[in-house]
Amino acid sequence: MTQADMQALPTPRRIGGRTALAGVIGWPVAHSRSPLMHNFWLAQYGIDGAYVPLPVRPGAFDVAVRGLQAAGFRGTNVTIPHKEAAFRIVDRLDRSARRSGSVNTLVFAPDGAIEGYSTDGDGFVANVEAHGIAVTGGRALLLGAGGAARAIAASLLDRGVAVTIANRTAARAHELADAMRADAEAGAMVDVAPWDGLGTVLPGCDMLVNTTSVGMHGGPPGDLPVDLALATPALVVCDIVYVPRQTALLRTAAARGLRCVDGLGMLIHQARLGFRKWFGTDPVIGPEVEALLDADLRGEGS
């Protein structure tokens, strides 16, 4: 091979014994945009690190986490279906994780402990505020009662926002409400509305948040039981789904002139804490990373 040929070859990325490692555990995990985002930040800040997707089957989570910790990883993100398993495996729970009942960020501490955090709630709030919308006071109608709903409810309550929870399975909505009321600071700021009776609730709400998978590419069929014609003009409509970015709910809201917040920004903002813990730098949330992720989503026709 000639010198010219050598110069034409792409420069390989150097990964060595000092490279800081982190990743995202899920099943499946190939759809995750977290590796694209974290590796963009690593390159942007010139950090010797790598972030990789880690497909782990249900039932193998504990073994995988212990193995990654033993192999020198700094930590991992955790996505479906492992968030509850992550909650059980940790040695130290951050308040965010205790209140939400789930963990989406693991940090392998120098003393050998596994620390658990939930960044979904604060990531959601940061995304809404990045759209110029103050998150303080008022009432939010929260659709769904899964792990993300728990985290978002806790963060909203922390900011003085009353929360009404509605879920297709009413028992889960009541379970979530009881968990939030267990915190003395929440008190009577949480209630439950019937899934098929939201028409009487929506007019009194300042924010509507969909945390279900309805509207997601490949998600369950059907529509959410919300008639936006009943909303006040000041209602802010949020959807944590980001594939596609413009869900049917957001399209309907935009057509009615309501302010809308899609889920891609939440994905970006919730990632900051983990990146800071693993790699020692707090990334600035700029337009470049959103443009990168948006282009990737559009490339798949989502």
Protein backbone atom coordinates (compact mmCIF):
# COMPACT_ATOMS: atom_id res chain seq x y z
CA MET A 1 0.00 0.00 0.00
CA THR A 2 1.41 3.36 -1.01
CA GLN A 3 1.72 6.44 1.20
CA ALA A 4 -1.09 8.07 -0.78
CA ASP A 5 -3.31 5.05 -0.14
CA MET A 6 -2.52 5.22 3.57
CA GLN A 7 -3.45 8.91 3.71
CA ALA A 8 -6.76 8.20 1.97
CA LEU A 9 -7.82 5.73 4.66
CA PRO A 10 -10.16 7.01 7.38
CA THR A 11 -8.48 7.60 10.73
CA PRO A 12 -9.61 4.84 13.09
CA ARG A 13 -11.02 5.87 16.43
CA ARG A 14 -8.51 4.97 19.13
CA ILE A 15 -10.04 3.05 22.03
CA GLY A 16 -7.61 1.98 24.72
CA GLY A 17 -7.36 0.84 28.29
CA ARG A 18 -8.14 4.31 29.62
CA THR A 19 -11.27 4.85 27.51
CA ALA A 20 -14.28 5.60 29.71
CA LEU A 21 -17.16 3.25 28.84
CA ALA A 22 -20.91 3.59 29.28
CA GLY A 23 -23.97 2.41 27.37
CA VAL A 24 -27.69 1.75 27.31
CA ILE A 25 -29.27 -1.54 28.39
CA GLY A 26 -32.57 -2.58 26.84
CA TRP A 27 -34.42 -5.29 24.92
CA PRO A 28 -34.61 -4.44 22.14
CA VAL A 29 -32.13 -1.57 22.08
CA ALA A 30 -31.21 -1.13 18.42
CA HIS A 31 -33.77 1.69 18.08
CA SER A 32 -32.15 3.81 20.81
CA ARG A 33 -30.74 7.19 19.74
CA SER A 34 -28.76 7.51 22.97
CA PRO A 35 -25.50 6.13 21.44
CA LEU A 36 -25.67 8.70 18.64
CA MET A 37 -26.24 11.51 21.12
CA HIS A 38 -23.63 10.54 23.71
CA ASN A 39 -20.94 9.78 21.15
CA PHE A 40 -21.63 13.16 19.53
CA TRP A 41 -20.97 14.84 22.89
CA LEU A 42 -17.85 12.75 23.47
CA ALA A 43 -16.46 13.89 20.13
CA GLN A 44 -17.58 17.49 20.72
CA TYR A 45 -15.70 17.73 24.01
CA GLY A 46 -12.71 15.62 22.97
CA ILE A 47 -13.33 13.03 25.69
CA ASP A 48 -11.68 9.61 25.52
CA GLY A 49 -14.90 7.67 25.92
CA ALA A 50 -17.39 5.41 24.16
CA TYR A 51 -21.11 4.78 24.63
CA VAL A 52 -22.55 1.55 23.24
CA PRO A 53 -25.93 -0.20 22.90
CA LEU A 54 -26.22 -3.24 25.17
CA PRO A 55 -29.00 -5.68 24.21
CA VAL A 56 -29.86 -7.65 27.35
CA ARG A 57 -32.69 -10.17 27.43
CA PRO A 58 -35.27 -10.12 30.23
CA GLY A 59 -34.01 -12.24 33.10
CA ALA A 60 -30.35 -11.53 32.38
CA PHE A 61 -30.26 -7.96 33.66
CA ASP A 62 -28.56 -8.54 37.01
CA VAL A 63 -25.82 -10.71 35.51
CA ALA A 64 -25.21 -8.17 32.73
CA VAL A 65 -24.98 -5.22 35.11
CA ARG A 66 -22.56 -6.99 37.44
CA GLY A 67 -20.46 -7.99 34.45
CA LEU A 68 -20.33 -4.45 33.07
CA GLN A 69 -19.37 -3.13 36.50
CA ALA A 70 -16.59 -5.73 36.78
CA ALA A 71 -15.39 -4.88 33.27
CA GLY A 72 -14.80 -1.25 34.24
CA PHE A 73 -17.85 0.51 32.77
CA ARG A 74 -18.69 3.85 34.40
CA GLY A 75 -22.43 3.08 34.26
CA THR A 76 -25.39 2.70 31.93
CA ASN A 77 -28.73 4.06 30.94
CA VAL A 78 -31.63 1.66 31.36
CA THR A 79 -34.64 1.43 29.08
CA ILE A 80 -37.59 -0.91 28.51
CA PRO A 81 -38.09 -3.49 30.00
CA HIS A 82 -35.45 -3.18 32.73
CA LYS A 83 -36.26 -0.01 34.72
CA GLU A 84 -37.91 -1.87 37.60
CA ALA A 85 -35.06 -4.41 37.70
CA ALA A 86 -32.62 -1.50 37.85
CA PHE A 87 -34.53 -0.09 40.82
CA ARG A 88 -34.04 -3.38 42.68
CA ILE A 89 -30.34 -3.83 41.96
CA VAL A 90 -29.02 -0.48 43.16
CA ASP A 91 -27.22 0.05 46.47
CA ARG A 92 -27.95 3.79 46.70
CA LEU A 93 -31.11 5.41 45.38
CA ASP A 94 -31.25 9.09 44.54
CA ARG A 95 -34.42 10.89 45.67
CA SER A 96 -35.52 11.13 42.04
CA ALA A 97 -35.50 7.34 41.77
CA ARG A 98 -37.19 6.76 45.12
CA ARG A 99 -40.08 9.03 44.19
CA SER A 100 -40.53 7.66 40.68
CA GLY A 101 -40.14 4.01 41.66
CA SER A 102 -37.86 3.31 38.71
CA VAL A 103 -34.30 3.88 37.55
CA ASN A 104 -33.09 4.92 34.10
CA THR A 105 -29.48 5.81 34.98
CA LEU A 106 -26.94 3.61 36.78
CA VAL A 107 -23.61 4.92 38.04
CA PHE A 108 -20.90 2.52 39.16
CA ALA A 109 -19.29 4.41 42.04
CA PRO A 110 -15.57 4.12 42.94
CA ASP A 111 -16.46 2.41 46.23
CA GLY A 112 -18.15 -0.46 44.35
CA ALA A 113 -21.73 0.69 44.98
CA ILE A 114 -24.32 0.98 42.23
CA GLU A 115 -26.15 4.31 42.33
CA GLY A 116 -29.59 4.74 40.75
CA TYR A 117 -31.14 7.89 39.34
CA SER A 118 -34.32 8.76 37.46
CA THR A 119 -33.72 11.65 35.05
CA ASP A 120 -36.95 11.40 33.04
CA GLY A 121 -38.94 13.84 35.16
CA ASP A 122 -36.41 16.63 35.30
CA GLY A 123 -35.57 16.01 31.63
CA PHE A 124 -39.24 16.49 30.78
CA VAL A 125 -39.45 19.75 32.75
CA ALA A 126 -36.21 21.07 31.24
CA ASN A 127 -37.55 20.38 27.75
CA VAL A 128 -40.80 22.23 28.43
CA GLU A 129 -38.90 25.18 29.89
CA ALA A 130 -36.58 25.20 26.87
CA HIS A 131 -39.71 25.94 24.82
CA GLY A 132 -40.22 29.12 26.88
CA ILE A 133 -42.98 27.67 29.05
CA ALA A 134 -42.80 28.15 32.83
CA VAL A 135 -43.46 24.97 34.81
CA THR A 136 -44.89 26.28 38.05
CA GLY A 137 -48.37 26.09 39.56
CA GLY A 138 -51.52 25.17 37.67
CA ARG A 139 -52.70 21.65 36.91
CA ALA A 140 -51.45 18.96 34.53
CA LEU A 141 -53.49 16.07 33.15
CA LEU A 142 -51.13 13.09 32.93
CA LEU A 143 -52.07 10.22 30.62
CA GLY A 144 -50.47 6.91 31.63
CA ALA A 145 -49.09 5.44 34.84
CA GLY A 146 -45.82 3.76 33.86
CA GLY A 147 -42.26 4.56 34.90
CA ALA A 148 -42.02 7.77 32.86
CA ALA A 149 -45.37 8.96 34.22
CA ARG A 150 -44.17 8.41 37.79
CA ALA A 151 -41.00 10.41 37.20
CA ILE A 152 -42.82 13.25 35.45
CA ALA A 153 -45.52 13.41 38.12
CA ALA A 154 -42.88 13.71 40.85
CA SER A 155 -41.03 16.51 39.04
CA LEU A 156 -44.24 18.44 38.35
CA LEU A 157 -45.32 18.16 41.98
CA ASP A 158 -41.90 19.40 43.08
CA ARG A 159 -42.63 22.58 41.12
CA GLY A 160 -46.05 23.17 42.62
CA VAL A 161 -48.04 21.74 39.69
CA ALA A 162 -51.13 19.75 40.73
CA VAL A 163 -51.46 16.47 38.82
CA THR A 164 -54.52 14.57 37.63
CA ILE A 165 -53.68 11.02 36.54
CA ALA A 166 -55.68 9.00 34.03
CA ASN A 167 -54.82 5.49 32.87
CA ARG A 168 -56.65 2.87 30.87
CA THR A 169 -56.29 0.52 33.86
CA ALA A 170 -57.70 2.58 36.72
CA ALA A 171 -55.97 0.57 39.43
CA ARG A 172 -52.55 1.64 38.17
CA ALA A 173 -53.60 5.30 38.17
CA HIS A 174 -54.70 5.00 41.81
CA GLU A 175 -51.49 3.18 42.69
CA LEU A 176 -49.43 6.01 41.20
CA ALA A 177 -51.54 8.65 42.96
CA ASP A 178 -51.10 6.88 46.31
CA ALA A 179 -47.33 6.69 45.76
CA MET A 180 -47.17 10.42 45.05
CA ARG A 181 -49.37 11.24 48.07
CA ALA A 182 -46.98 9.30 50.29
CA ASP A 183 -44.68 12.28 49.97
CA ALA A 184 -45.99 14.81 52.46
CA GLU A 185 -45.09 17.67 50.14
CA ALA A 186 -47.57 16.43 47.53
CA GLY A 187 -50.58 16.07 49.81
CA ALA A 188 -53.87 16.77 48.07
CA MET A 189 -52.23 17.96 44.84
CA VAL A 190 -52.79 14.55 43.19
CA ASP A 191 -56.06 13.06 42.02
CA VAL A 192 -57.33 10.49 39.52
CA ALA A 193 -59.73 10.88 36.61
CA PRO A 194 -61.52 8.09 34.71
CA TRP A 195 -59.99 7.23 31.32
CA ASP A 196 -63.36 7.64 29.61
CA GLY A 197 -64.35 10.82 31.45
CA LEU A 198 -61.60 13.30 30.62
CA GLY A 199 -63.98 15.77 29.03
CA THR A 200 -64.93 17.09 32.46
CA VAL A 201 -61.28 17.41 33.54
CA LEU A 202 -59.48 18.91 30.55
CA PRO A 203 -61.06 22.43 30.69
CA GLY A 204 -59.47 22.97 34.12
CA CYS A 205 -55.96 21.96 33.06
CA ASP A 206 -53.00 24.08 32.00
CA MET A 207 -50.96 21.17 30.63
CA LEU A 208 -51.71 17.81 28.97
CA VAL A 209 -48.95 15.18 29.03
CA ASN A 210 -49.11 11.92 27.11
CA THR A 211 -46.73 9.35 28.62
CA THR A 212 -48.37 6.35 26.93
CA SER A 213 -47.10 4.69 23.75
CA VAL A 214 -50.26 5.66 21.85
CA GLY A 215 -49.12 7.56 18.78
CA MET A 216 -45.65 5.99 18.73
CA HIS A 217 -44.39 4.34 15.57
CA GLY A 218 -45.18 0.65 16.06
CA GLY A 219 -47.23 1.40 19.17
CA PRO A 220 -50.78 0.29 19.95
CA PRO A 221 -53.56 1.35 17.58
CA GLY A 222 -56.28 3.77 18.54
CA ASP A 223 -56.58 7.32 19.76
CA LEU A 224 -56.30 8.97 23.13
CA PRO A 225 -59.67 9.76 24.75
CA VAL A 226 -59.09 13.51 24.73
CA ASP A 227 -61.19 16.07 22.89
CA LEU A 228 -58.97 19.13 22.51
CA ALA A 229 -62.00 21.19 21.49
CA LEU A 230 -62.72 21.32 25.23
CA ALA A 231 -59.32 22.77 26.11
CA THR A 232 -58.64 26.38 27.01
CA PRO A 233 -56.51 28.35 24.49
CA ALA A 234 -53.67 28.41 27.06
CA LEU A 235 -53.32 24.61 27.26
CA VAL A 236 -49.81 23.27 26.63
CA VAL A 237 -49.85 19.84 24.97
CA CYS A 238 -46.83 17.58 25.54
CA ASP A 239 -46.04 14.14 24.17
CA ILE A 240 -42.98 12.19 25.33
CA VAL A 241 -43.08 10.09 22.15
CA TYR A 242 -40.38 11.16 19.69
CA VAL A 243 -40.83 8.57 16.93
CA PRO A 244 -42.51 10.28 15.15
CA ARG A 245 -41.83 13.74 16.54
CA GLN A 246 -45.25 14.99 15.46
CA THR A 247 -47.76 12.52 16.85
CA ALA A 248 -51.45 12.63 16.03
CA LEU A 249 -52.05 14.33 19.38
CA LEU A 250 -49.56 17.11 18.60
CA ARG A 251 -50.85 17.58 15.07
CA THR A 252 -54.38 18.03 16.39
CA ALA A 253 -53.17 20.44 19.06
CA ALA A 254 -51.18 22.50 16.56
CA ALA A 255 -54.20 22.70 14.25
CA ARG A 256 -56.14 24.23 17.14
CA GLY A 257 -53.40 26.79 17.80
CA LEU A 258 -52.26 25.22 21.07
CA ARG A 259 -48.64 25.27 22.19
CA CYS A 260 -46.94 21.91 21.64
CA VAL A 261 -43.85 20.19 23.06
CA ASP A 262 -42.60 16.96 21.44
CA GLY A 263 -40.52 14.27 23.11
CA LEU A 264 -37.12 14.62 21.44
CA GLY A 265 -35.97 17.39 23.76
CA MET A 266 -36.83 15.27 26.80
CA LEU A 267 -34.55 12.52 25.45
CA ILE A 268 -31.72 15.05 25.16
CA HIS A 269 -32.21 16.79 28.51
CA GLN A 270 -32.61 13.59 30.53
CA ALA A 271 -29.23 12.40 29.23
CA ARG A 272 -27.21 15.22 30.79
CA LEU A 273 -26.92 13.85 34.31
CA GLY A 274 -25.64 10.45 33.20
CA PHE A 275 -23.10 12.00 30.83
CA ARG A 276 -21.84 14.27 33.60
CA LYS A 277 -21.56 11.39 36.09
CA TRP A 278 -19.77 9.05 33.66
CA PHE A 279 -17.56 11.41 31.69
CA GLY A 280 -17.07 14.39 34.00
CA THR A 281 -18.52 17.05 31.68
CA ASP A 282 -21.93 18.69 31.71
CA PRO A 283 -22.87 18.95 28.02
CA VAL A 284 -24.44 22.14 26.74
CA ILE A 285 -27.79 21.45 25.10
CA GLY A 286 -27.40 23.21 21.76
CA PRO A 287 -29.25 22.99 18.45
CA GLU A 288 -26.57 20.74 16.92
CA VAL A 289 -27.47 17.59 18.83
CA GLU A 290 -31.20 18.07 18.19
CA ALA A 291 -30.51 18.54 14.48
CA LEU A 292 -28.38 15.39 14.47
CA LEU A 293 -31.09 13.28 16.11
CA ASP A 294 -33.84 14.79 13.98
CA ALA A 295 -31.93 14.01 10.77
CA ASP A 296 -31.42 10.44 11.97
CA LEU A 297 -35.12 10.03 12.67
CA ARG A 298 -36.04 11.44 9.28
CA GLY A 299 -33.55 9.10 7.65
CA GLU A 300 -35.63 6.17 8.87
CA GLY A 301 -38.80 7.73 7.51
CA SER A 302 -40.20 8.23 10.98
